[in-house]
């Protein structure tokens, strides 16, 4: 081997090997000290990418688990509130049964009524006070409200609050001589003179359930004023698209006595003002009222007028010849078009309204959440719909046809929301006509009633209250069962999230975590090689020193 001074190639080679061994030793040291075989993307870019995604997924699932646990805590608060309501309802039923017993005097029942009302008020307090983090849980903001009149309004009978005002009385004659739909019309309300002279009927909409969006809910609705002695009808219709009103003196080619008013109600915000809108609309649209005072013409031929009274009320006035009759709806081409479904069921259609639910997020994706519906537990919704006479009559007619009977019974329960207990109780009492009719009377008293309407200061009212409270208990227990099901589902969801998190963490460990036994072996090897390289570099440098010694 030649001996040179300028280029010590052996030292260069040894230095390169030393650097490689130093780098390997450094990597081994990092892996051993951190416990991972992939410290950065340069170690294994594809495995690093997969591992980072898994880490993100693990953190997401940990937060999902906390979300689910918070959701469970919220539902437990709601469940506690409903349990308290059910407890109060049991107390109310106990008080109702107690008052129904004739061992109580009238004074006793008045005392029971006071306690009854306090417990009803307690339910309202429970609904208002049950909240989680400021969210009121039982006010219906996150659930389903039952009953068509809640939002759209109970408009099945616009004239139900009309009443005698001056010299008028309620008439028992509810059939008009006016022929519509091919037959005489069955009116909903009828008034006549009390002593054979002009009489007045108060036009009152103040108690009409028209929801919050009054004008739009009344749009297209209306009522008909019928003549009890001839074919005349007078249409009153409401239009929410304008505040202008129109009058048509000949709306029906087949009936020269028909008249029609379309009343603009665009700016109407309160049903109490509807009579004033009607009065002003008739006054402005009928040319006969161009110079009218407080009494305006609806139809001059039959002396039907409308008047603004000194006390601020509005009346429809009529001569003594025929009765004033009213029917909700309007007439088109000789056919009555109802404003709402009016078929012996004043509550209108059974219409569940679904609102925005609470969402419990439990997944890595934006759409992975559970919808939680918490129904309205306030007094006006805390009930089960009572079966109506028309439906009872239909069941009675089908009693001999089991298949049709069962089909209609199922329709009443599932589609119309009728309490199954009402039908079962009627079936049980069918052979005892006295008890059967007595129970029908109780049902009649409970229809469309809520806990706010329940009273126990007489035996009969107490029996009606029992049915109202039973319906409330059914409603509340159904909601309690729903919350129980949600809690069970959240429990399983949480277990699944935890299991998924564990499995994902295990998979990430396989990719990322170092095998410490192997890494320690590599570390010891690289450390030994490092020491050997250092020793060999020292020897390589010594060779150059030896050459210099020859030159001395």
Protein backbone atom coordinates (compact mmCIF):
# COMPACT_ATOMS: atom_id res chain seq x y z
CA UNK A 1 0.00 0.00 0.00
CA UNK A 2 1.31 3.42 -0.95
CA UNK A 3 1.95 5.93 1.75
CA UNK A 4 0.56 9.45 1.02
CA UNK A 5 0.01 12.62 3.02
CA UNK A 6 -2.27 14.84 0.92
CA UNK A 7 -5.27 12.45 0.55
CA UNK A 8 -5.96 10.12 3.47
CA UNK A 9 -8.55 7.99 1.66
CA UNK A 10 -8.80 5.46 4.47
CA UNK A 11 -9.76 8.25 6.89
CA UNK A 12 -12.31 9.61 4.38
CA UNK A 13 -13.94 6.23 3.97
CA UNK A 14 -13.92 5.66 7.69
CA UNK A 15 -15.41 9.14 8.30
CA UNK A 16 -18.27 8.45 5.88
CA UNK A 17 -18.96 5.18 7.67
CA UNK A 18 -18.78 6.99 11.00
CA UNK A 19 -21.35 9.55 9.79
CA UNK A 20 -23.70 6.81 8.60
CA UNK A 21 -23.39 4.96 11.88
CA UNK A 22 -23.89 8.21 13.77
CA UNK A 23 -27.10 8.94 11.80
CA UNK A 24 -28.36 5.39 12.39
CA UNK A 25 -27.51 5.68 16.07
CA UNK A 26 -29.36 9.00 16.27
CA UNK A 27 -32.47 7.47 14.66
CA UNK A 28 -32.32 4.50 17.00
CA UNK A 29 -31.94 6.85 19.95
CA UNK A 30 -35.02 8.86 18.82
CA UNK A 31 -37.11 5.73 18.41
CA UNK A 32 -36.03 4.33 21.77
CA UNK A 33 -36.54 7.63 23.62
CA UNK A 34 -39.97 8.39 22.01
CA UNK A 35 -41.14 4.79 21.74
CA UNK A 36 -42.16 5.16 18.10
CA UNK A 37 -40.68 3.72 14.96
CA UNK A 38 -42.11 6.59 12.84
CA UNK A 39 -40.98 9.91 14.28
CA UNK A 40 -41.65 12.08 11.21
CA UNK A 41 -42.90 11.75 7.63
CA UNK A 42 -39.36 11.10 6.32
CA UNK A 43 -39.27 7.81 8.23
CA UNK A 44 -42.23 6.34 6.25
CA UNK A 45 -44.40 8.89 4.45
CA UNK A 46 -47.36 6.60 3.60
CA UNK A 47 -47.47 5.01 7.06
CA UNK A 48 -47.11 8.47 8.64
CA UNK A 49 -50.14 9.74 6.63
CA UNK A 50 -52.29 6.76 7.64
CA UNK A 51 -51.22 7.09 11.26
CA UNK A 52 -52.04 10.82 11.42
CA UNK A 53 -55.53 10.18 10.02
CA UNK A 54 -56.05 7.51 12.64
CA UNK A 55 -54.90 9.89 15.38
CA UNK A 56 -57.43 12.47 14.18
CA UNK A 57 -60.13 9.79 14.17
CA UNK A 58 -59.21 8.72 17.70
CA UNK A 59 -59.45 12.28 19.02
CA UNK A 60 -62.77 12.75 17.21
CA UNK A 61 -64.17 9.57 18.76
CA UNK A 62 -63.04 10.67 22.20
CA UNK A 63 -65.04 13.90 21.72
CA UNK A 64 -67.97 11.90 20.33
CA UNK A 65 -67.97 9.87 23.53
CA UNK A 66 -68.08 13.07 25.59
CA UNK A 67 -70.91 14.40 23.39
CA UNK A 68 -72.94 11.23 23.94
CA UNK A 69 -72.31 11.36 27.67
CA UNK A 70 -73.46 15.01 27.77
CA UNK A 71 -76.55 14.02 25.74
CA UNK A 72 -77.30 11.27 28.24
CA UNK A 73 -76.98 13.78 31.08
CA UNK A 74 -79.45 16.09 29.31
CA UNK A 75 -81.94 13.28 28.78
CA UNK A 76 -81.66 12.19 32.40
CA UNK A 77 -82.68 15.70 33.45
CA UNK A 78 -85.65 15.57 31.04
CA UNK A 79 -86.57 12.09 32.31
CA UNK A 80 -86.47 13.37 35.88
CA UNK A 81 -88.80 16.24 34.98
CA UNK A 82 -91.25 13.89 33.27
CA UNK A 83 -91.14 11.51 36.24
CA UNK A 84 -92.09 14.44 38.48
CA UNK A 85 -94.97 15.35 36.12
CA UNK A 86 -96.20 11.75 36.11
CA UNK A 87 -96.07 11.75 39.91
CA UNK A 88 -98.23 14.89 39.98
CA UNK A 89 -100.63 13.35 37.47
CA UNK A 90 -101.04 10.34 39.76
CA UNK A 91 -101.90 12.77 42.55
CA UNK A 92 -104.42 14.51 40.27
CA UNK A 93 -106.07 11.22 39.39
CA UNK A 94 -106.25 10.30 43.06
CA UNK A 95 -107.91 13.63 43.86
CA UNK A 96 -110.36 13.21 40.95
CA UNK A 97 -111.37 9.75 42.15
CA UNK A 98 -111.70 11.06 45.68
CA UNK A 99 -113.98 13.90 44.55
CA UNK A 100 -116.11 11.56 42.41
CA UNK A 101 -117.16 9.71 45.58
CA UNK A 102 -120.50 10.90 46.96
CA UNK A 103 -119.24 10.69 50.54
CA UNK A 104 -117.86 14.18 49.89
CA UNK A 105 -119.95 17.28 50.44
CA UNK A 106 -119.84 20.30 48.13
CA UNK A 107 -117.55 22.01 50.63
CA UNK A 108 -115.22 19.00 50.59
CA UNK A 109 -115.07 19.07 46.82
CA UNK A 110 -114.23 22.78 46.79
CA UNK A 111 -111.32 22.02 49.10
CA UNK A 112 -110.20 19.19 46.82
CA UNK A 113 -110.49 21.56 43.86
CA UNK A 114 -108.03 23.98 45.49
CA UNK A 115 -105.42 21.24 45.92
CA UNK A 116 -106.17 19.95 42.42
CA UNK A 117 -105.47 23.36 40.89
CA UNK A 118 -102.24 23.78 42.84
CA UNK A 119 -100.95 20.47 41.51
CA UNK A 120 -101.92 21.47 37.97
CA UNK A 121 -99.92 24.68 38.48
CA UNK A 122 -96.99 22.57 39.71
CA UNK A 123 -96.87 20.84 36.33
CA UNK A 124 -96.52 24.20 34.58
CA UNK A 125 -93.68 25.07 36.97
CA UNK A 126 -91.96 21.77 36.21
CA UNK A 127 -92.21 22.38 32.46
CA UNK A 128 -90.75 25.87 32.79
CA UNK A 129 -87.96 24.94 35.21
CA UNK A 130 -86.65 21.73 33.64
CA UNK A 131 -83.61 22.82 31.64
CA UNK A 132 -80.04 21.84 30.76
CA UNK A 133 -77.45 24.58 30.25
CA UNK A 134 -80.26 27.10 29.74
CA UNK A 135 -82.16 24.92 27.24
CA UNK A 136 -85.81 24.43 28.24
CA UNK A 137 -86.40 20.76 27.58
CA UNK A 138 -90.17 20.32 27.83
CA UNK A 139 -91.55 23.40 26.10
CA UNK A 140 -91.93 21.71 22.72
CA UNK A 141 -89.00 23.45 21.01
CA UNK A 142 -87.33 20.11 20.25
CA UNK A 143 -90.22 17.77 19.60
CA UNK A 144 -93.59 16.95 18.18
CA UNK A 145 -96.76 18.83 19.02
CA UNK A 146 -100.05 17.04 18.46
CA UNK A 147 -103.13 18.88 17.22
CA UNK A 148 -103.86 20.74 14.01
CA UNK A 149 -104.95 23.89 15.82
CA UNK A 150 -101.55 24.55 17.38
CA UNK A 151 -100.03 26.40 14.45
CA UNK A 152 -102.58 26.59 11.65
CA UNK A 153 -105.41 27.21 14.06
CA UNK A 154 -108.73 25.54 14.79
CA UNK A 155 -110.69 27.06 11.93
CA UNK A 156 -113.26 24.32 11.58
CA UNK A 157 -115.95 26.66 12.90
CA UNK A 158 -115.34 30.38 12.43
CA UNK A 159 -118.74 31.35 13.83
CA UNK A 160 -118.72 29.26 17.01
CA UNK A 161 -118.37 32.40 19.19
CA UNK A 162 -121.22 34.32 17.53
CA UNK A 163 -123.95 34.94 20.10
CA UNK A 164 -127.23 36.83 20.62
CA UNK A 165 -126.72 40.55 21.16
CA UNK A 166 -130.03 42.40 21.07
CA UNK A 167 -133.54 40.96 20.75
CA UNK A 168 -132.18 37.68 19.40
CA UNK A 169 -132.11 34.14 20.67
CA UNK A 170 -130.50 30.88 19.60
CA UNK A 171 -132.75 29.02 17.19
CA UNK A 172 -133.25 25.28 17.25
CA UNK A 173 -133.78 25.34 13.49
CA UNK A 174 -130.36 24.48 12.03
CA UNK A 175 -131.48 23.62 8.48
CA UNK A 176 -131.55 26.32 5.83
CA UNK A 177 -134.03 26.40 2.96
CA UNK A 178 -131.05 27.23 0.72
CA UNK A 179 -130.27 24.30 -1.56
CA UNK A 180 -126.54 23.67 -1.99
CA UNK A 181 -124.70 20.45 -2.82
CA UNK A 182 -128.03 19.17 -4.15
CA UNK A 183 -129.84 19.36 -0.80
CA UNK A 184 -130.88 21.71 1.98
CA UNK A 185 -127.90 22.96 3.97
CA UNK A 186 -127.22 21.93 7.56
CA UNK A 187 -126.09 25.11 9.34
CA UNK A 188 -123.76 25.14 12.32
CA UNK A 189 -125.42 28.02 14.17
CA UNK A 190 -128.80 29.70 13.89
CA UNK A 191 -130.37 32.80 15.48
CA UNK A 192 -133.84 34.31 15.30
CA UNK A 193 -135.83 37.21 16.67
CA UNK A 194 -136.87 37.01 20.31
CA UNK A 195 -140.14 38.94 19.94
CA UNK A 196 -140.88 39.41 16.26
CA UNK A 197 -138.81 42.48 15.38
CA UNK A 198 -135.32 43.35 14.11
CA UNK A 199 -132.63 41.44 16.00
CA UNK A 200 -128.84 41.49 16.22
CA UNK A 201 -126.15 38.76 16.46
CA UNK A 202 -122.72 39.63 17.87
CA UNK A 203 -119.85 38.88 15.48
CA UNK A 204 -117.06 37.64 17.76
CA UNK A 205 -113.77 36.05 16.65
CA UNK A 206 -111.73 36.87 19.79
CA UNK A 207 -111.54 33.26 21.01
CA UNK A 208 -110.78 31.78 17.60
CA UNK A 209 -107.67 29.56 17.59
CA UNK A 210 -105.91 30.98 14.53
CA UNK A 211 -102.27 30.33 15.48
CA UNK A 212 -99.50 32.93 15.45
CA UNK A 213 -99.57 33.80 11.74
CA UNK A 214 -103.17 34.98 11.85
CA UNK A 215 -103.57 36.51 8.39
CA UNK A 216 -101.96 33.66 6.45
CA UNK A 217 -103.76 30.99 8.48
CA UNK A 218 -107.09 32.65 7.67
CA UNK A 219 -106.27 33.09 4.00
CA UNK A 220 -108.96 31.48 1.84
CA UNK A 221 -111.10 30.69 4.87
CA UNK A 222 -114.55 32.12 5.42
CA UNK A 223 -118.16 31.52 6.34
CA UNK A 224 -121.59 31.61 4.75
CA UNK A 225 -124.65 33.52 5.97
CA UNK A 226 -127.68 31.44 5.01
CA UNK A 227 -131.33 32.34 4.72
CA UNK A 228 -133.68 29.97 6.49
CA UNK A 229 -136.56 30.78 4.16
CA UNK A 230 -135.14 30.90 0.63
CA UNK A 231 -132.15 30.00 -1.51
CA UNK A 232 -130.04 33.05 -0.65
CA UNK A 233 -126.49 32.73 0.67
CA UNK A 234 -123.93 35.42 1.44
CA UNK A 235 -120.26 34.48 1.14
CA UNK A 236 -117.65 36.08 3.42
CA UNK A 237 -114.07 35.13 2.42
CA UNK A 238 -110.68 36.33 3.70
CA UNK A 239 -107.65 37.21 1.57
CA UNK A 240 -104.22 37.72 3.19
CA UNK A 241 -102.56 39.04 0.01
CA UNK A 242 -104.16 42.48 0.23
CA UNK A 243 -105.92 44.92 2.55
CA UNK A 244 -108.44 45.83 -0.17
CA UNK A 245 -111.88 44.20 -0.22
CA UNK A 246 -114.23 43.37 -3.10
CA UNK A 247 -117.97 42.80 -3.51
CA UNK A 248 -119.58 40.55 -6.10
CA UNK A 249 -123.36 40.96 -6.43
CA UNK A 250 -123.65 37.96 -8.77
CA UNK A 251 -121.08 35.26 -7.90
CA UNK A 252 -123.31 32.30 -8.78
CA UNK A 253 -125.06 32.10 -12.22
CA UNK A 254 -127.44 29.52 -10.79
CA UNK A 255 -128.51 31.64 -7.82
CA UNK A 256 -129.53 35.27 -8.37
CA UNK A 257 -129.79 35.83 -4.59
CA UNK A 258 -126.14 34.97 -3.89
CA UNK A 259 -123.68 37.67 -2.84
CA UNK A 260 -119.96 37.47 -2.09
CA UNK A 261 -117.47 39.62 -0.16
CA UNK A 262 -113.70 39.05 -0.21
CA UNK A 263 -112.21 40.80 2.82
CA UNK A 264 -108.54 41.89 2.65
CA UNK A 265 -106.72 41.00 5.89
CA UNK A 266 -103.04 41.40 4.95
CA UNK A 267 -102.26 43.60 7.97
CA UNK A 268 -104.39 41.58 10.44
CA UNK A 269 -102.33 40.43 13.44
CA UNK A 270 -104.98 39.67 16.06
CA UNK A 271 -108.20 37.69 15.65
CA UNK A 272 -109.95 40.18 17.94
CA UNK A 273 -109.67 42.71 15.09
CA UNK A 274 -111.16 40.41 12.43
CA UNK A 275 -114.72 41.69 12.95
CA UNK A 276 -113.49 45.27 12.37
CA UNK A 277 -111.68 44.21 9.17
CA UNK A 278 -114.88 42.50 8.01
CA UNK A 279 -116.99 45.58 8.80
CA UNK A 280 -114.60 47.98 7.04
CA UNK A 281 -114.21 45.63 4.06
CA UNK A 282 -117.98 45.34 3.52
CA UNK A 283 -118.42 49.08 3.97
CA UNK A 284 -115.71 50.03 1.46
CA UNK A 285 -116.56 47.45 -1.22
CA UNK A 286 -120.37 47.70 -1.46
CA UNK A 287 -121.50 50.85 -3.31
CA UNK A 288 -124.70 50.88 -1.22
CA UNK A 289 -122.52 51.99 1.74
CA UNK A 290 -121.03 55.07 0.09
CA UNK A 291 -122.79 57.34 2.58
CA UNK A 292 -123.49 54.83 5.36
CA UNK A 293 -123.04 55.61 9.04
CA UNK A 294 -122.45 52.97 11.71
CA UNK A 295 -124.98 50.61 10.12
CA UNK A 296 -123.89 49.23 6.74
CA UNK A 297 -125.61 47.03 4.15
CA UNK A 298 -124.56 43.42 3.61
CA UNK A 299 -127.58 42.64 1.43
CA UNK A 300 -130.34 45.18 0.93
CA UNK A 301 -132.85 42.70 -0.54
CA UNK A 302 -133.14 40.69 2.69
CA UNK A 303 -132.31 43.55 5.04
CA UNK A 304 -129.10 41.97 6.28
CA UNK A 305 -126.92 44.69 7.81
CA UNK A 306 -123.79 45.01 9.92
CA UNK A 307 -123.49 47.56 12.67
CA UNK A 308 -120.75 48.99 14.87
CA UNK A 309 -122.21 49.32 18.36
CA UNK A 310 -121.45 52.03 20.90
CA UNK A 311 -119.65 49.49 23.11
CA UNK A 312 -117.21 48.70 20.26
CA UNK A 313 -118.79 45.36 19.34
CA UNK A 314 -119.96 44.44 15.84
CA UNK A 315 -123.28 42.83 15.02
CA UNK A 316 -125.11 41.38 12.04
CA UNK A 317 -128.69 42.66 12.03
CA UNK A 318 -131.77 41.04 10.48
CA UNK A 319 -135.46 41.71 10.18
CA UNK A 320 -137.79 39.29 11.96
CA UNK A 321 -138.85 37.38 8.81
CA UNK A 322 -136.19 34.66 8.66
CA UNK A 323 -133.50 33.25 10.93
CA UNK A 324 -129.83 34.10 10.45
CA UNK A 325 -127.86 30.91 9.92
CA UNK A 326 -124.12 30.38 9.65
CA UNK A 327 -121.89 27.72 8.12
CA UNK A 328 -118.09 27.73 7.95
CA UNK A 329 -116.73 27.54 4.40
CA UNK A 330 -117.67 29.16 1.13
CA UNK A 331 -119.78 28.34 -1.91
CA UNK A 332 -118.34 27.78 -5.36
CA UNK A 333 -120.61 26.77 -8.24
CA UNK A 334 -123.33 25.65 -5.86
CA UNK A 335 -120.95 23.48 -3.78
CA UNK A 336 -119.92 24.17 -0.19
CA UNK A 337 -116.13 24.29 0.12
CA UNK A 338 -115.23 23.86 3.78
CA UNK A 339 -112.56 26.06 5.33
CA UNK A 340 -111.36 23.08 7.33
CA UNK A 341 -112.47 19.55 7.98
CA UNK A 342 -115.77 19.87 9.84
CA UNK A 343 -117.30 16.47 10.35
CA UNK A 344 -118.45 16.42 13.93
CA UNK A 345 -114.87 16.83 15.14
CA UNK A 346 -114.35 20.44 16.33
CA UNK A 347 -110.66 19.86 16.94
CA UNK A 348 -110.09 19.54 13.22
CA UNK A 349 -107.57 17.10 11.77
CA UNK A 350 -105.14 15.29 14.06
CA UNK A 351 -101.91 16.75 12.77
CA UNK A 352 -98.54 16.06 14.43
CA UNK A 353 -96.19 19.01 13.92
CA UNK A 354 -92.49 18.11 13.97
CA UNK A 355 -90.06 20.80 15.05
CA UNK A 356 -86.23 20.96 15.00
CA UNK A 357 -84.86 18.19 17.22
CA UNK A 358 -81.86 18.27 19.51
CA UNK A 359 -78.91 16.74 17.67
CA UNK A 360 -76.39 14.63 19.58
CA UNK A 361 -73.31 14.50 17.35
CA UNK A 362 -71.50 11.16 17.56
CA UNK A 363 -69.34 10.69 14.47
CA UNK A 364 -66.35 12.02 12.55
CA UNK A 365 -68.59 13.13 9.66
CA UNK A 366 -70.81 16.21 9.63
CA UNK A 367 -74.01 14.19 9.16
CA UNK A 368 -73.41 11.68 11.96
CA UNK A 369 -75.83 12.74 14.67
CA UNK A 370 -78.83 11.40 16.55
CA UNK A 371 -82.12 13.33 16.51
CA UNK A 372 -83.70 13.66 19.96
CA UNK A 373 -87.36 14.69 20.05
CA UNK A 374 -88.63 16.03 23.37
CA UNK A 375 -92.37 16.62 23.11
CA UNK A 376 -94.22 19.58 24.57
CA UNK A 377 -95.32 18.73 28.11
CA UNK A 378 -97.27 21.94 28.78
CA UNK A 379 -100.90 21.64 29.84
CA UNK A 380 -102.55 22.22 26.45
CA UNK A 381 -100.61 19.34 24.86
CA UNK A 382 -100.55 16.97 27.85
CA UNK A 383 -103.53 14.87 26.76
CA UNK A 384 -104.82 12.08 24.55
CA UNK A 385 -107.49 12.81 21.96
CA UNK A 386 -111.01 11.78 23.00
CA UNK A 387 -113.14 9.81 20.55
CA UNK A 388 -116.01 11.79 18.99
CA UNK A 389 -119.67 10.83 18.58
CA UNK A 390 -119.38 10.44 14.83
CA UNK A 391 -116.61 7.88 15.28
CA UNK A 392 -118.52 6.08 18.03
CA UNK A 393 -121.52 5.90 15.70
CA UNK A 394 -119.36 4.50 12.90
CA UNK A 395 -118.01 1.80 15.21
CA UNK A 396 -121.53 0.92 16.35
CA UNK A 397 -122.62 0.47 12.73
CA UNK A 398 -119.65 -1.82 12.02
CA UNK A 399 -120.01 -3.99 15.11
CA UNK A 400 -121.27 -6.97 13.10
CA UNK A 401 -118.43 -6.73 10.56
CA UNK A 402 -115.30 -7.58 12.54
CA UNK A 403 -112.77 -6.93 9.79
CA UNK A 404 -114.15 -3.50 8.96
CA UNK A 405 -114.61 -2.75 12.65
CA UNK A 406 -110.98 -3.58 13.47
CA UNK A 407 -109.76 -1.63 10.45
CA UNK A 408 -111.70 1.50 11.45
CA UNK A 409 -110.64 1.09 15.08
CA UNK A 410 -106.99 0.95 14.03
CA UNK A 411 -107.53 4.03 11.82
CA UNK A 412 -108.94 5.97 14.79
CA UNK A 413 -106.00 5.07 17.02
CA UNK A 414 -103.11 5.42 14.57
CA UNK A 415 -104.32 8.14 12.20
CA UNK A 416 -106.71 10.25 14.26
CA UNK A 417 -104.83 9.82 17.53
CA UNK A 418 -107.86 8.60 19.51
CA UNK A 419 -107.09 7.06 22.89
CA UNK A 420 -107.26 3.26 22.63
CA UNK A 421 -108.63 3.17 26.20
CA UNK A 422 -111.74 5.10 25.13
CA UNK A 423 -112.61 2.40 22.61
CA UNK A 424 -111.75 -0.44 25.01
CA UNK A 425 -113.91 1.05 27.75
CA UNK A 426 -116.83 1.51 25.36
CA UNK A 427 -116.47 -2.09 24.19
CA UNK A 428 -116.48 -3.33 27.78
CA UNK A 429 -119.67 -1.38 28.58
CA UNK A 430 -121.58 -2.08 25.38
CA UNK A 431 -123.88 -4.68 26.96
CA UNK A 432 -124.89 -2.28 29.76
CA UNK A 433 -126.69 0.58 28.02
CA UNK A 434 -126.94 2.72 31.15
CA UNK A 435 -123.20 2.59 31.89
CA UNK A 436 -122.39 2.82 28.18
CA UNK A 437 -124.36 6.06 27.78
CA UNK A 438 -122.95 7.41 31.04
CA UNK A 439 -119.42 6.85 29.78
CA UNK A 440 -120.29 8.50 26.44
CA UNK A 441 -121.44 11.51 28.46
CA UNK A 442 -118.09 11.60 30.28
CA UNK A 443 -116.25 11.43 26.97
CA UNK A 444 -118.38 14.26 25.61
CA UNK A 445 -117.38 16.38 28.60
CA UNK A 446 -113.69 15.59 28.16
CA UNK A 447 -113.46 16.33 24.43
CA UNK A 448 -110.92 18.99 23.46
CA UNK A 449 -110.27 19.58 27.17
CA UNK A 450 -106.88 19.89 28.83
CA UNK A 451 -105.75 19.81 32.45
CA UNK A 452 -106.37 23.55 32.49
CA UNK A 453 -110.07 22.81 31.89
CA UNK A 454 -110.35 19.96 34.43
CA UNK A 455 -112.44 20.63 37.53
CA UNK A 456 -113.43 18.41 40.48
CA UNK A 457 -115.92 20.53 42.44
CA UNK A 458 -118.85 18.30 41.36
CA UNK A 459 -119.04 14.53 41.03
CA UNK A 460 -119.69 14.65 37.27
CA UNK A 461 -116.84 17.08 36.63
CA UNK A 462 -114.59 14.86 38.71
CA UNK A 463 -115.43 11.88 36.48
CA UNK A 464 -114.61 13.97 33.42
CA UNK A 465 -111.38 15.05 35.12
CA UNK A 466 -110.45 11.38 35.61
CA UNK A 467 -110.59 10.86 31.82
CA UNK A 468 -108.61 14.06 31.17
CA UNK A 469 -105.93 13.05 33.68
CA UNK A 470 -105.78 9.50 32.28
CA UNK A 471 -105.11 10.95 28.83
CA UNK A 472 -102.36 13.16 30.29
CA UNK A 473 -100.78 10.14 32.01
CA UNK A 474 -100.82 8.20 28.73
CA UNK A 475 -99.15 11.09 26.92
CA UNK A 476 -96.52 11.57 29.65
CA UNK A 477 -95.68 7.87 29.97
CA UNK A 478 -95.27 7.58 26.20
CA UNK A 479 -92.77 10.45 26.29
CA UNK A 480 -90.99 8.88 29.29
CA UNK A 481 -90.70 5.62 27.33
CA UNK A 482 -89.29 7.51 24.34
CA UNK A 483 -86.63 9.14 26.51
CA UNK A 484 -85.79 5.74 28.02
CA UNK A 485 -85.30 4.37 24.51
CA UNK A 486 -83.07 7.34 23.62
CA UNK A 487 -80.96 6.75 26.74
CA UNK A 488 -80.58 3.08 25.89
CA UNK A 489 -79.57 3.96 22.34
CA UNK A 490 -77.01 6.51 23.57
CA UNK A 491 -75.57 3.93 25.95
CA UNK A 492 -75.02 1.48 23.09
CA UNK A 493 -73.67 4.30 20.91
CA UNK A 494 -71.15 5.25 23.59
CA UNK A 495 -70.01 1.63 23.98
CA UNK A 496 -69.59 1.35 20.21
CA UNK A 497 -67.57 4.58 20.08
CA UNK A 498 -65.28 3.40 22.89
CA UNK A 499 -64.75 0.03 21.18
CA UNK A 500 -64.04 1.71 17.84
CA UNK A 501 -61.60 4.09 19.52
CA UNK A 502 -59.75 1.20 21.17
CA UNK A 503 -59.52 -0.75 17.90
CA UNK A 504 -58.37 2.30 15.94
CA UNK A 505 -55.75 3.07 18.60
CA UNK A 506 -54.55 -0.54 18.39
CA UNK A 507 -54.26 -0.28 14.59
CA UNK A 508 -52.42 3.04 14.89
CA UNK A 509 -50.04 1.46 17.40
CA UNK A 510 -49.12 -1.28 14.93
CA UNK A 511 -48.18 1.38 12.37
CA UNK A 512 -46.52 3.92 14.63
CA UNK A 513 -45.25 2.39 17.87
CA UNK A 514 -41.75 0.96 18.12
CA UNK A 515 -40.96 -2.64 19.06
CA UNK A 516 -38.73 -1.70 21.99
CA UNK A 517 -36.84 -5.02 22.07
CA UNK A 518 -35.96 -4.69 18.39
CA UNK A 519 -35.15 -0.99 18.67
CA UNK A 520 -32.85 -1.61 21.67
CA UNK A 521 -31.04 -4.29 19.67
CA UNK A 522 -30.63 -1.86 16.77
CA UNK A 523 -29.50 0.84 19.19
CA UNK A 524 -26.85 -1.44 20.73
CA UNK A 525 -25.70 -2.49 17.25
CA UNK A 526 -25.50 1.09 15.96
CA UNK A 527 -23.74 2.21 19.13
CA UNK A 528 -21.15 -0.54 18.72
CA UNK A 529 -20.65 0.32 15.04
CA UNK A 530 -20.29 3.97 16.05
CA UNK A 531 -17.55 3.11 18.50
CA UNK A 532 -15.82 0.87 15.95
CA UNK A 533 -15.96 3.65 13.33
CA UNK A 534 -14.43 6.11 15.77
CA UNK A 535 -11.62 3.65 16.55
CA UNK A 536 -10.95 2.96 12.86
CA UNK A 537 -10.92 6.70 12.11
CA UNK A 538 -8.31 7.14 14.80
CA UNK A 539 -6.20 4.37 13.21
CA UNK A 540 -6.61 5.93 9.74
CA UNK A 541 -5.40 9.27 11.03
CA UNK A 542 -2.50 7.51 12.77
CA UNK A 543 -1.24 6.21 9.39
CA UNK A 544 -0.68 9.81 8.22
CA UNK A 545 1.23 10.51 11.38
CA UNK A 546 3.48 7.55 10.69
CA UNK A 547 4.36 8.96 7.20
CA UNK A 548 5.35 12.28 8.78
CA UNK A 549 7.63 10.38 11.14
CA UNK A 550 9.64 9.02 8.17
CA UNK A 551 10.30 12.59 7.02
CA UNK A 552 11.96 13.62 10.26
